[in-house]
């Protein structure tokens, strides 16, 4: 489960890599197609947006990007999986963390 914005964020990261010269445009677009094909439940309703807003306000963050992921995990009573240490630190006190390998578990 992830916020609606995840696919746009992935495309943004791919564009940055193309501009940085670490990916060709063709490879980036192929990766985007693969990402688009990944089945995932996306959440972007009023409650999740409001929860993200409250998390960002409570933590005095200037954007909602990270707060959206935390809101989704919180509302689903789930754990956050991230490889980003900064994001993991932001989750402290909001949602539990789970290892990346949990994504691969049956």
PDB file of N, CA and C in Angstrom:
ATOM      1  N   UNK A   1       0.844  -1.157   0.000  1.00  0.00           N
ATOM      2  CA  UNK A   1       0.000   0.000   0.000  1.00  0.00           C
ATOM      3  C   UNK A   1       0.896   1.229   0.000  1.00  0.00           C
ATOM      4  N   UNK A   2       0.474   2.231  -0.739  1.00  0.00           N
ATOM      5  CA  UNK A   2       1.253   3.468  -0.856  1.00  0.00           C
ATOM      6  C   UNK A   2       0.318   4.615  -1.226  1.00  0.00           C
ATOM      7  N   UNK A   3       0.785   5.840  -1.064  1.00  0.00           N
ATOM      8  CA  UNK A   3      -0.040   6.962  -1.516  1.00  0.00           C
ATOM      9  C   UNK A   3      -0.098   7.013  -3.039  1.00  0.00           C
ATOM     10  N   UNK A   4      -1.135   7.642  -3.560  1.00  0.00           N
ATOM     11  CA  UNK A   4      -1.305   7.782  -5.009  1.00  0.00           C
ATOM     12  C   UNK A   4      -0.072   8.339  -5.704  1.00  0.00           C
ATOM     13  N   UNK A   5       0.666   9.159  -5.017  1.00  0.00           N
ATOM     14  CA  UNK A   5       1.793   9.866  -5.630  1.00  0.00           C
ATOM     15  C   UNK A   5       3.005   8.979  -5.922  1.00  0.00           C
ATOM     16  N   UNK A   6       3.006   7.737  -5.504  1.00  0.00           N
ATOM     17  CA  UNK A   6       4.203   6.906  -5.626  1.00  0.00           C
ATOM     18  C   UNK A   6       4.679   6.744  -7.069  1.00  0.00           C
ATOM     19  N   UNK A   7       3.777   6.572  -7.989  1.00  0.00           N
ATOM     20  CA  UNK A   7       4.197   6.374  -9.385  1.00  0.00           C
ATOM     21  C   UNK A   7       4.788   7.649  -9.974  1.00  0.00           C
ATOM     22  N   UNK A   8       4.214   8.797  -9.636  1.00  0.00           N
ATOM     23  CA  UNK A   8       4.775  10.066 -10.101  1.00  0.00           C
ATOM     24  C   UNK A   8       6.146  10.308  -9.486  1.00  0.00           C
ATOM     25  N   UNK A   9       6.301   9.947  -8.224  1.00  0.00           N
ATOM     26  CA  UNK A   9       7.600  10.102  -7.569  1.00  0.00           C
ATOM     27  C   UNK A   9       8.643   9.194  -8.217  1.00  0.00           C
ATOM     28  N   UNK A  10       8.245   7.989  -8.574  1.00  0.00           N
ATOM     29  CA  UNK A  10       9.166   7.068  -9.247  1.00  0.00           C
ATOM     30  C   UNK A  10       9.576   7.634 -10.601  1.00  0.00           C
ATOM     31  N   UNK A  11       8.618   8.169 -11.345  1.00  0.00           N
ATOM     32  CA  UNK A  11       8.929   8.765 -12.644  1.00  0.00           C
ATOM     33  C   UNK A  11       9.858   9.966 -12.479  1.00  0.00           C
ATOM     34  N   UNK A  12       9.648  10.735 -11.440  1.00  0.00           N
ATOM     35  CA  UNK A  12      10.512  11.877 -11.149  1.00  0.00           C
ATOM     36  C   UNK A  12      11.949  11.429 -10.879  1.00  0.00           C
ATOM     37  N   UNK A  13      12.100  10.368 -10.107  1.00  0.00           N
ATOM     38  CA  UNK A  13      13.443   9.834  -9.832  1.00  0.00           C
ATOM     39  C   UNK A  13      14.114   9.334 -11.109  1.00  0.00           C
ATOM     40  N   UNK A  14      13.339   8.693 -11.968  1.00  0.00           N
ATOM     41  CA  UNK A  14      13.894   8.220 -13.237  1.00  0.00           C
ATOM     42  C   UNK A  14      14.343   9.394 -14.106  1.00  0.00           C
ATOM     43  N   UNK A  15      13.551  10.451 -14.136  1.00  0.00           N
ATOM     44  CA  UNK A  15      13.927  11.640 -14.903  1.00  0.00           C
ATOM     45  C   UNK A  15      15.229  12.245 -14.378  1.00  0.00           C
ATOM     46  N   UNK A  16      15.371  12.284 -13.081  1.00  0.00           N
ATOM     47  CA  UNK A  16      16.611  12.802 -12.481  1.00  0.00           C
ATOM     48  C   UNK A  16      17.816  11.963 -12.912  1.00  0.00           C
ATOM     49  N   UNK A  17      17.635  10.657 -12.965  1.00  0.00           N
ATOM     50  CA  UNK A  17      18.733   9.773 -13.373  1.00  0.00           C
ATOM     51  C   UNK A  17      19.065   9.958 -14.848  1.00  0.00           C
ATOM     52  N   UNK A  18      18.051  10.191 -15.684  1.00  0.00           N
ATOM     53  CA  UNK A  18      18.291  10.452 -17.111  1.00  0.00           C
ATOM     54  C   UNK A  18      19.058  11.759 -17.247  1.00  0.00           C
ATOM     55  N   UNK A  19      18.606  12.782 -16.555  1.00  0.00           N
ATOM     56  CA  UNK A  19      19.294  14.083 -16.613  1.00  0.00           C
ATOM     57  C   UNK A  19      20.703  14.005 -16.056  1.00  0.00           C
ATOM     58  N   UNK A  20      20.916  13.127 -15.097  1.00  0.00           N
ATOM     59  CA  UNK A  20      22.245  12.950 -14.509  1.00  0.00           C
ATOM     60  C   UNK A  20      23.150  12.048 -15.336  1.00  0.00           C
ATOM     61  N   UNK A  21      22.596  11.451 -16.375  1.00  0.00           N
ATOM     62  CA  UNK A  21      23.402  10.618 -17.251  1.00  0.00           C
ATOM     63  C   UNK A  21      23.619   9.198 -16.780  1.00  0.00           C
ATOM     64  N   UNK A  22      22.894   8.767 -15.743  1.00  0.00           N
ATOM     65  CA  UNK A  22      23.088   7.398 -15.254  1.00  0.00           C
ATOM     66  C   UNK A  22      22.094   6.406 -15.842  1.00  0.00           C
ATOM     67  N   UNK A  23      21.091   6.915 -16.565  1.00  0.00           N
ATOM     68  CA  UNK A  23      20.131   6.065 -17.268  1.00  0.00           C
ATOM     69  C   UNK A  23      19.833   6.681 -18.620  1.00  0.00           C
ATOM     70  N   UNK A  24      19.601   5.813 -19.601  1.00  0.00           N
ATOM     71  CA  UNK A  24      19.129   6.335 -20.890  1.00  0.00           C
ATOM     72  C   UNK A  24      17.627   6.579 -20.769  1.00  0.00           C
ATOM     73  N   UNK A  25      17.110   7.408 -21.640  1.00  0.00           N
ATOM     74  CA  UNK A  25      15.676   7.682 -21.611  1.00  0.00           C
ATOM     75  C   UNK A  25      14.889   6.405 -21.874  1.00  0.00           C
ATOM     76  N   UNK A  26      15.348   5.602 -22.808  1.00  0.00           N
ATOM     77  CA  UNK A  26      14.656   4.361 -23.128  1.00  0.00           C
ATOM     78  C   UNK A  26      14.597   3.432 -21.916  1.00  0.00           C
ATOM     79  N   UNK A  27      15.724   3.287 -21.224  1.00  0.00           N
ATOM     80  CA  UNK A  27      15.753   2.425 -20.039  1.00  0.00           C
ATOM     81  C   UNK A  27      14.833   2.963 -18.956  1.00  0.00           C
ATOM     82  N   UNK A  28      14.860   4.274 -18.756  1.00  0.00           N
ATOM     83  CA  UNK A  28      14.009   4.897 -17.738  1.00  0.00           C
ATOM     84  C   UNK A  28      12.533   4.645 -18.037  1.00  0.00           C
ATOM     85  N   UNK A  29      12.152   4.808 -19.290  1.00  0.00           N
ATOM     86  CA  UNK A  29      10.750   4.596 -19.651  1.00  0.00           C
ATOM     87  C   UNK A  29      10.351   3.126 -19.542  1.00  0.00           C
ATOM     88  N   UNK A  30      11.281   2.226 -19.848  1.00  0.00           N
ATOM     89  CA  UNK A  30      11.008   0.797 -19.670  1.00  0.00           C
ATOM     90  C   UNK A  30      10.817   0.468 -18.190  1.00  0.00           C
ATOM     91  N   UNK A  31      11.660   1.051 -17.342  1.00  0.00           N
ATOM     92  CA  UNK A  31      11.516   0.844 -15.899  1.00  0.00           C
ATOM     93  C   UNK A  31      10.185   1.395 -15.400  1.00  0.00           C
ATOM     94  N   UNK A  32       9.799   2.544 -15.931  1.00  0.00           N
ATOM     95  CA  UNK A  32       8.515   3.123 -15.533  1.00  0.00           C
ATOM     96  C   UNK A  32       7.356   2.201 -15.907  1.00  0.00           C
ATOM     97  N   UNK A  33       7.432   1.610 -17.081  1.00  0.00           N
ATOM     98  CA  UNK A  33       6.381   0.663 -17.483  1.00  0.00           C
ATOM     99  C   UNK A  33       6.313  -0.514 -16.513  1.00  0.00           C
ATOM    100  N   UNK A  34       7.482  -0.990 -16.089  1.00  0.00           N
ATOM    101  CA  UNK A  34       7.505  -2.103 -15.137  1.00  0.00           C
ATOM    102  C   UNK A  34       6.909  -1.680 -13.799  1.00  0.00           C
ATOM    103  N   UNK A  35       7.241  -0.464 -13.357  1.00  0.00           N
ATOM    104  CA  UNK A  35       6.693   0.045 -12.098  1.00  0.00           C
ATOM    105  C   UNK A  35       5.177   0.161 -12.199  1.00  0.00           C
ATOM    106  N   UNK A  36       4.705   0.664 -13.333  1.00  0.00           N
ATOM    107  CA  UNK A  36       3.267   0.834 -13.536  1.00  0.00           C
ATOM    108  C   UNK A  36       2.552  -0.509 -13.486  1.00  0.00           C
ATOM    109  N   UNK A  37       3.234  -1.562 -13.894  1.00  0.00           N
ATOM    110  CA  UNK A  37       2.635  -2.892 -13.895  1.00  0.00           C
ATOM    111  C   UNK A  37       2.606  -3.571 -12.540  1.00  0.00           C
ATOM    112  N   UNK A  38       3.325  -3.020 -11.571  1.00  0.00           N
ATOM    113  CA  UNK A  38       3.341  -3.620 -10.239  1.00  0.00           C
ATOM    114  C   UNK A  38       1.983  -3.370  -9.576  1.00  0.00           C
ATOM    115  N   UNK A  39       1.362  -4.442  -9.142  1.00  0.00           N
ATOM    116  CA  UNK A  39       0.065  -4.298  -8.485  1.00  0.00           C
ATOM    117  C   UNK A  39       0.287  -3.804  -7.066  1.00  0.00           C
ATOM    118  N   UNK A  40      -0.328  -2.674  -6.780  1.00  0.00           N
ATOM    119  CA  UNK A  40      -0.276  -2.151  -5.420  1.00  0.00           C
ATOM    120  C   UNK A  40      -1.553  -1.383  -5.141  1.00  0.00           C
ATOM    121  N   UNK A  41      -1.923  -1.399  -3.911  1.00  0.00           N
ATOM    122  CA  UNK A  41      -3.110  -0.658  -3.498  1.00  0.00           C
ATOM    123  C   UNK A  41      -2.671   0.760  -3.173  1.00  0.00           C
ATOM    124  N   UNK A  42      -3.342   1.722  -3.786  1.00  0.00           N
ATOM    125  CA  UNK A  42      -2.994   3.122  -3.592  1.00  0.00           C
ATOM    126  C   UNK A  42      -4.090   3.816  -2.794  1.00  0.00           C
ATOM    127  N   UNK A  43      -3.665   4.693  -1.922  1.00  0.00           N
ATOM    128  CA  UNK A  43      -4.604   5.399  -1.071  1.00  0.00           C
ATOM    129  C   UNK A  43      -4.423   6.898  -1.255  1.00  0.00           C
ATOM    130  N   UNK A  44      -5.488   7.597  -1.474  1.00  0.00           N
ATOM    131  CA  UNK A  44      -5.406   9.040  -1.654  1.00  0.00           C
ATOM    132  C   UNK A  44      -6.721   9.714  -1.311  1.00  0.00           C
ATOM    133  N   UNK A  45      -7.419   9.194  -0.325  1.00  0.00           N
ATOM    134  CA  UNK A  45      -8.713   9.764   0.046  1.00  0.00           C
ATOM    135  C   UNK A  45      -8.543  10.932   1.012  1.00  0.00           C
ATOM    136  N   UNK A  46      -9.644  11.528   1.381  1.00  0.00           N
ATOM    137  CA  UNK A  46      -9.615  12.691   2.282  1.00  0.00           C
ATOM    138  C   UNK A  46      -8.985  12.378   3.619  1.00  0.00           C
ATOM    139  N   UNK A  47      -9.290  11.220   4.145  1.00  0.00           N
ATOM    140  CA  UNK A  47      -8.768  10.867   5.465  1.00  0.00           C
ATOM    141  C   UNK A  47      -7.254  10.732   5.424  1.00  0.00           C
ATOM    142  N   UNK A  48      -6.721  10.070   4.404  1.00  0.00           N
ATOM    143  CA  UNK A  48      -5.261   9.910   4.336  1.00  0.00           C
ATOM    144  C   UNK A  48      -4.571  11.254   4.104  1.00  0.00           C
ATOM    145  N   UNK A  49      -5.173  12.116   3.276  1.00  0.00           N
ATOM    146  CA  UNK A  49      -4.578  13.436   3.050  1.00  0.00           C
ATOM    147  C   UNK A  49      -4.623  14.278   4.322  1.00  0.00           C
ATOM    148  N   UNK A  50      -5.716  14.196   5.049  1.00  0.00           N
ATOM    149  CA  UNK A  50      -5.838  14.952   6.302  1.00  0.00           C
ATOM    150  C   UNK A  50      -4.854  14.431   7.343  1.00  0.00           C
ATOM    151  N   UNK A  51      -4.698  13.120   7.401  1.00  0.00           N
ATOM    152  CA  UNK A  51      -3.746  12.528   8.340  1.00  0.00           C
ATOM    153  C   UNK A  51      -2.321  12.950   7.985  1.00  0.00           C
ATOM    154  N   UNK A  52      -2.005  12.944   6.706  1.00  0.00           N
ATOM    155  CA  UNK A  52      -0.676  13.401   6.266  1.00  0.00           C
ATOM    156  C   UNK A  52      -0.468  14.860   6.657  1.00  0.00           C
ATOM    157  N   UNK A  53      -1.482  15.672   6.465  1.00  0.00           N
ATOM    158  CA  UNK A  53      -1.410  17.084   6.836  1.00  0.00           C
ATOM    159  C   UNK A  53      -1.101  17.225   8.326  1.00  0.00           C
ATOM    160  N   UNK A  54      -1.816  16.453   9.138  1.00  0.00           N
ATOM    161  CA  UNK A  54      -1.623  16.555  10.585  1.00  0.00           C
ATOM    162  C   UNK A  54      -0.231  16.089  11.004  1.00  0.00           C
ATOM    163  N   UNK A  55       0.253  15.016  10.391  1.00  0.00           N
ATOM    164  CA  UNK A  55       1.602  14.538  10.707  1.00  0.00           C
ATOM    165  C   UNK A  55       2.630  15.615  10.360  1.00  0.00           C
ATOM    166  N   UNK A  56       2.498  16.192   9.177  1.00  0.00           N
ATOM    167  CA  UNK A  56       3.445  17.232   8.753  1.00  0.00           C
ATOM    168  C   UNK A  56       3.373  18.454   9.670  1.00  0.00           C
ATOM    169  N   UNK A  57       2.187  18.842  10.069  1.00  0.00           N
ATOM    170  CA  UNK A  57       2.033  19.992  10.976  1.00  0.00           C
ATOM    171  C   UNK A  57       2.621  19.676  12.346  1.00  0.00           C
ATOM    172  N   UNK A  58       2.333  18.486  12.857  1.00  0.00           N
ATOM    173  CA  UNK A  58       2.841  18.106  14.179  1.00  0.00           C
ATOM    174  C   UNK A  58       4.367  18.049  14.211  1.00  0.00           C
ATOM    175  N   UNK A  59       4.954  17.638  13.110  1.00  0.00           N
ATOM    176  CA  UNK A  59       6.417  17.491  13.035  1.00  0.00           C
ATOM    177  C   UNK A  59       7.103  18.724  12.453  1.00  0.00           C
ATOM    178  N   UNK A  60       6.323  19.720  12.073  1.00  0.00           N
ATOM    179  CA  UNK A  60       6.841  20.972  11.500  1.00  0.00           C
ATOM    180  C   UNK A  60       7.631  20.722  10.213  1.00  0.00           C
ATOM    181  N   UNK A  61       7.100  19.819   9.361  1.00  0.00           N
ATOM    182  CA  UNK A  61       7.710  19.544   8.063  1.00  0.00           C
ATOM    183  C   UNK A  61       7.162  20.521   7.042  1.00  0.00           C
ATOM    184  N   UNK A  62       7.960  20.854   6.058  1.00  0.00           N
ATOM    185  CA  UNK A  62       7.534  21.832   5.058  1.00  0.00           C
ATOM    186  C   UNK A  62       6.809  21.211   3.868  1.00  0.00           C
ATOM    187  N   UNK A  63       6.848  19.886   3.732  1.00  0.00           N
ATOM    188  CA  UNK A  63       6.138  19.214   2.644  1.00  0.00           C
ATOM    189  C   UNK A  63       5.367  18.017   3.194  1.00  0.00           C
ATOM    190  N   UNK A  64       4.472  17.511   2.372  1.00  0.00           N
ATOM    191  CA  UNK A  64       3.655  16.360   2.766  1.00  0.00           C
ATOM    192  C   UNK A  64       4.185  15.038   2.216  1.00  0.00           C
ATOM    193  N   UNK A  65       5.230  15.065   1.411  1.00  0.00           N
ATOM    194  CA  UNK A  65       5.686  13.864   0.722  1.00  0.00           C
ATOM    195  C   UNK A  65       5.899  12.690   1.673  1.00  0.00           C
ATOM    196  N   UNK A  66       6.748  12.852   2.662  1.00  0.00           N
ATOM    197  CA  UNK A  66       7.003  11.757   3.608  1.00  0.00           C
ATOM    198  C   UNK A  66       5.780  11.477   4.466  1.00  0.00           C
ATOM    199  N   UNK A  67       5.065  12.521   4.824  1.00  0.00           N
ATOM    200  CA  UNK A  67       3.895  12.369   5.683  1.00  0.00           C
ATOM    201  C   UNK A  67       2.822  11.505   5.020  1.00  0.00           C
ATOM    202  N   UNK A  68       2.723  11.557   3.692  1.00  0.00           N
ATOM    203  CA  UNK A  68       1.729  10.726   2.999  1.00  0.00           C
ATOM    204  C   UNK A  68       1.998   9.242   3.216  1.00  0.00           C
ATOM    205  N   UNK A  69       3.262   8.847   3.122  1.00  0.00           N
ATOM    206  CA  UNK A  69       3.613   7.438   3.334  1.00  0.00           C
ATOM    207  C   UNK A  69       3.319   7.018   4.766  1.00  0.00           C
ATOM    208  N   UNK A  70       3.643   7.885   5.698  1.00  0.00           N
ATOM    209  CA  UNK A  70       3.398   7.573   7.104  1.00  0.00           C
ATOM    210  C   UNK A  70       1.909   7.529   7.397  1.00  0.00           C
ATOM    211  N   UNK A  71       1.148   8.413   6.786  1.00  0.00           N
ATOM    212  CA  UNK A  71      -0.306   8.425   6.988  1.00  0.00           C
ATOM    213  C   UNK A  71      -0.934   7.123   6.494  1.00  0.00           C
ATOM    214  N   UNK A  72      -0.520   6.674   5.335  1.00  0.00           N
ATOM    215  CA  UNK A  72      -1.058   5.428   4.780  1.00  0.00           C
ATOM    216  C   UNK A  72      -0.739   4.261   5.715  1.00  0.00           C
ATOM    217  N   UNK A  73       0.496   4.176   6.168  1.00  0.00           N
ATOM    218  CA  UNK A  73       0.878   3.086   7.076  1.00  0.00           C
ATOM    219  C   UNK A  73       0.098   3.180   8.382  1.00  0.00           C
ATOM    220  N   UNK A  74      -0.036   4.380   8.905  1.00  0.00           N
ATOM    221  CA  UNK A  74      -0.756   4.569  10.162  1.00  0.00           C
ATOM    222  C   UNK A  74      -2.226   4.184  10.024  1.00  0.00           C
ATOM    223  N   UNK A  75      -2.868   4.656   8.978  1.00  0.00           N
ATOM    224  CA  UNK A  75      -4.290   4.368   8.795  1.00  0.00           C
ATOM    225  C   UNK A  75      -4.567   2.890   8.552  1.00  0.00           C
ATOM    226  N   UNK A  76      -3.604   2.210   7.966  1.00  0.00           N
ATOM    227  CA  UNK A  76      -3.773   0.782   7.703  1.00  0.00           C
ATOM    228  C   UNK A  76      -3.256  -0.081   8.849  1.00  0.00           C
ATOM    229  N   UNK A  77      -2.802   0.570   9.929  1.00  0.00           N
ATOM    230  CA  UNK A  77      -2.209  -0.136  11.076  1.00  0.00           C
ATOM    231  C   UNK A  77      -1.126  -1.078  10.593  1.00  0.00           C
ATOM    232  N   UNK A  78      -0.281  -0.543   9.715  1.00  0.00           N
ATOM    233  CA  UNK A  78       0.772  -1.337   9.092  1.00  0.00           C
ATOM    234  C   UNK A  78       2.135  -0.737   9.432  1.00  0.00           C
ATOM    235  N   UNK A  79       3.167  -1.414   9.009  1.00  0.00           N
ATOM    236  CA  UNK A  79       4.531  -0.941   9.211  1.00  0.00           C
ATOM    237  C   UNK A  79       5.025  -0.262   7.939  1.00  0.00           C
ATOM    238  N   UNK A  80       6.020   0.575   8.083  1.00  0.00           N
ATOM    239  CA  UNK A  80       6.654   1.242   6.954  1.00  0.00           C
ATOM    240  C   UNK A  80       7.889   0.450   6.554  1.00  0.00           C
ATOM    241  N   UNK A  81       8.055   0.254   5.265  1.00  0.00           N
ATOM    242  CA  UNK A  81       9.261  -0.362   4.731  1.00  0.00           C
ATOM    243  C   UNK A  81       9.959   0.687   3.889  1.00  0.00           C
ATOM    244  N   UNK A  82      11.195   0.986   4.240  1.00  0.00           N
ATOM    245  CA  UNK A  82      11.971   1.984   3.511  1.00  0.00           C
ATOM    246  C   UNK A  82      13.448   1.623   3.565  1.00  0.00           C
ATOM    247  N   UNK A  83      14.167   2.011   2.525  1.00  0.00           N
ATOM    248  CA  UNK A  83      15.619   1.858   2.525  1.00  0.00           C
ATOM    249  C   UNK A  83      16.285   3.204   2.803  1.00  0.00           C
ATOM    250  N   UNK A  84      15.474   4.221   3.033  1.00  0.00           N
ATOM    251  CA  UNK A  84      15.961   5.568   3.276  1.00  0.00           C
ATOM    252  C   UNK A  84      16.070   5.802   4.787  1.00  0.00           C
ATOM    253  N   UNK A  85      17.306   5.963   5.313  1.00  0.00           N
ATOM    254  CA  UNK A  85      17.463   6.141   6.758  1.00  0.00           C
ATOM    255  C   UNK A  85      16.778   7.405   7.292  1.00  0.00           C
ATOM    256  N   UNK A  86      16.712   8.448   6.473  1.00  0.00           N
ATOM    257  CA  UNK A  86      16.034   9.673   6.911  1.00  0.00           C
ATOM    258  C   UNK A  86      14.536   9.429   7.073  1.00  0.00           C
ATOM    259  N   UNK A  87      13.970   8.690   6.141  1.00  0.00           N
ATOM    260  CA  UNK A  87      12.545   8.368   6.225  1.00  0.00           C
ATOM    261  C   UNK A  87      12.282   7.468   7.425  1.00  0.00           C
ATOM    262  N   UNK A  88      13.169   6.524   7.655  1.00  0.00           N
ATOM    263  CA  UNK A  88      13.022   5.632   8.813  1.00  0.00           C
ATOM    264  C   UNK A  88      13.029   6.449  10.103  1.00  0.00           C
ATOM    265  N   UNK A  89      13.902   7.430  10.190  1.00  0.00           N
ATOM    266  CA  UNK A  89      13.966   8.283  11.382  1.00  0.00           C
ATOM    267  C   UNK A  89      12.678   9.084  11.540  1.00  0.00           C
ATOM    268  N   UNK A  90      12.109   9.542  10.438  1.00  0.00           N
ATOM    269  CA  UNK A  90      10.870  10.316  10.500  1.00  0.00           C
ATOM    270  C   UNK A  90       9.694   9.469  10.963  1.00  0.00           C
ATOM    271  N   UNK A  91       9.759   8.172  10.750  1.00  0.00           N
ATOM    272  CA  UNK A  91       8.672   7.281  11.145  1.00  0.00           C
ATOM    273  C   UNK A  91       8.626   7.040  12.650  1.00  0.00           C
ATOM    274  N   UNK A  92       9.724   7.353  13.333  1.00  0.00           N
ATOM    275  CA  UNK A  92       9.813   7.116  14.774  1.00  0.00           C
ATOM    276  C   UNK A  92       8.652   7.786  15.504  1.00  0.00           C
ATOM    277  N   UNK A  93       7.953   6.986  16.288  1.00  0.00           N
ATOM    278  CA  UNK A  93       6.837   7.499  17.059  1.00  0.00           C
ATOM    279  C   UNK A  93       5.534   7.601  16.282  1.00  0.00           C
ATOM    280  N   UNK A  94       5.568   7.281  14.992  1.00  0.00           N
ATOM    281  CA  UNK A  94       4.343   7.348  14.182  1.00  0.00           C
ATOM    282  C   UNK A  94       3.895   5.955  13.766  1.00  0.00           C
ATOM    283  N   UNK A  95       4.804   5.213  13.140  1.00  0.00           N
ATOM    284  CA  UNK A  95       4.506   3.845  12.709  1.00  0.00           C
ATOM    285  C   UNK A  95       5.736   2.973  12.931  1.00  0.00           C
ATOM    286  N   UNK A  96       5.527   1.665  13.091  1.00  0.00           N
ATOM    287  CA  UNK A  96       6.688   0.773  13.209  1.00  0.00           C
ATOM    288  C   UNK A  96       7.359   0.586  11.845  1.00  0.00           C
ATOM    289  N   UNK A  97       8.601   0.144  11.880  1.00  0.00           N
ATOM    290  CA  UNK A  97       9.353  -0.164  10.659  1.00  0.00           C
ATOM    291  C   UNK A  97       9.399  -1.674  10.463  1.00  0.00           C
ATOM    292  N   UNK A  98       9.503  -2.080   9.210  1.00  0.00           N
ATOM    293  CA  UNK A  98       9.666  -3.492   8.870  1.00  0.00           C
ATOM    294  C   UNK A  98      10.804  -3.590   7.863  1.00  0.00           C
ATOM    295  N   UNK A  99      11.508  -4.723   7.822  1.00  0.00           N
ATOM    296  CA  UNK A  99      12.608  -4.872   6.871  1.00  0.00           C
ATOM    297  C   UNK A  99      12.107  -5.056   5.443  1.00  0.00           C
ATOM    298  N   UNK A 100      12.946  -4.690   4.503  1.00  0.00           N
ATOM    299  CA  UNK A 100      12.626  -4.803   3.077  1.00  0.00           C
ATOM    300  C   UNK A 100      12.244  -6.226   2.704  1.00  0.00           C
ATOM    301  N   UNK A 101      12.857  -7.204   3.344  1.00  0.00           N
ATOM    302  CA  UNK A 101      12.581  -8.618   3.033  1.00  0.00           C
ATOM    303  C   UNK A 101      11.128  -8.987   3.293  1.00  0.00           C
ATOM    304  N   UNK A 102      10.418  -8.228   4.119  1.00  0.00           N
ATOM    305  CA  UNK A 102       9.004  -8.508   4.358  1.00  0.00           C
ATOM    306  C   UNK A 102       8.165  -8.349   3.098  1.00  0.00           C
ATOM    307  N   UNK A 103       8.635  -7.546   2.153  1.00  0.00           N
ATOM    308  CA  UNK A 103       7.921  -7.395   0.871  1.00  0.00           C
ATOM    309  C   UNK A 103       7.939  -8.691   0.067  1.00  0.00           C
ATOM    310  N   UNK A 104       8.953  -9.500   0.284  1.00  0.00           N
ATOM    311  CA  UNK A 104       9.128 -10.723  -0.482  1.00  0.00           C
ATOM    312  C   UNK A 104       8.524 -11.952   0.216  1.00  0.00           C
ATOM    313  N   UNK A 105       8.045 -11.753   1.450  1.00  0.00           N
ATOM    314  CA  UNK A 105       7.494 -12.876   2.204  1.00  0.00           C
ATOM    315  C   UNK A 105       6.149 -13.293   1.629  1.00  0.00           C
ATOM    316  N   UNK A 106       5.877 -14.595   1.712  1.00  0.00           N
ATOM    317  CA  UNK A 106       4.592 -15.117   1.222  1.00  0.00           C
ATOM    318  C   UNK A 106       3.480 -14.873   2.182  1.00  0.00           C
TER     319      UNK A 106
END
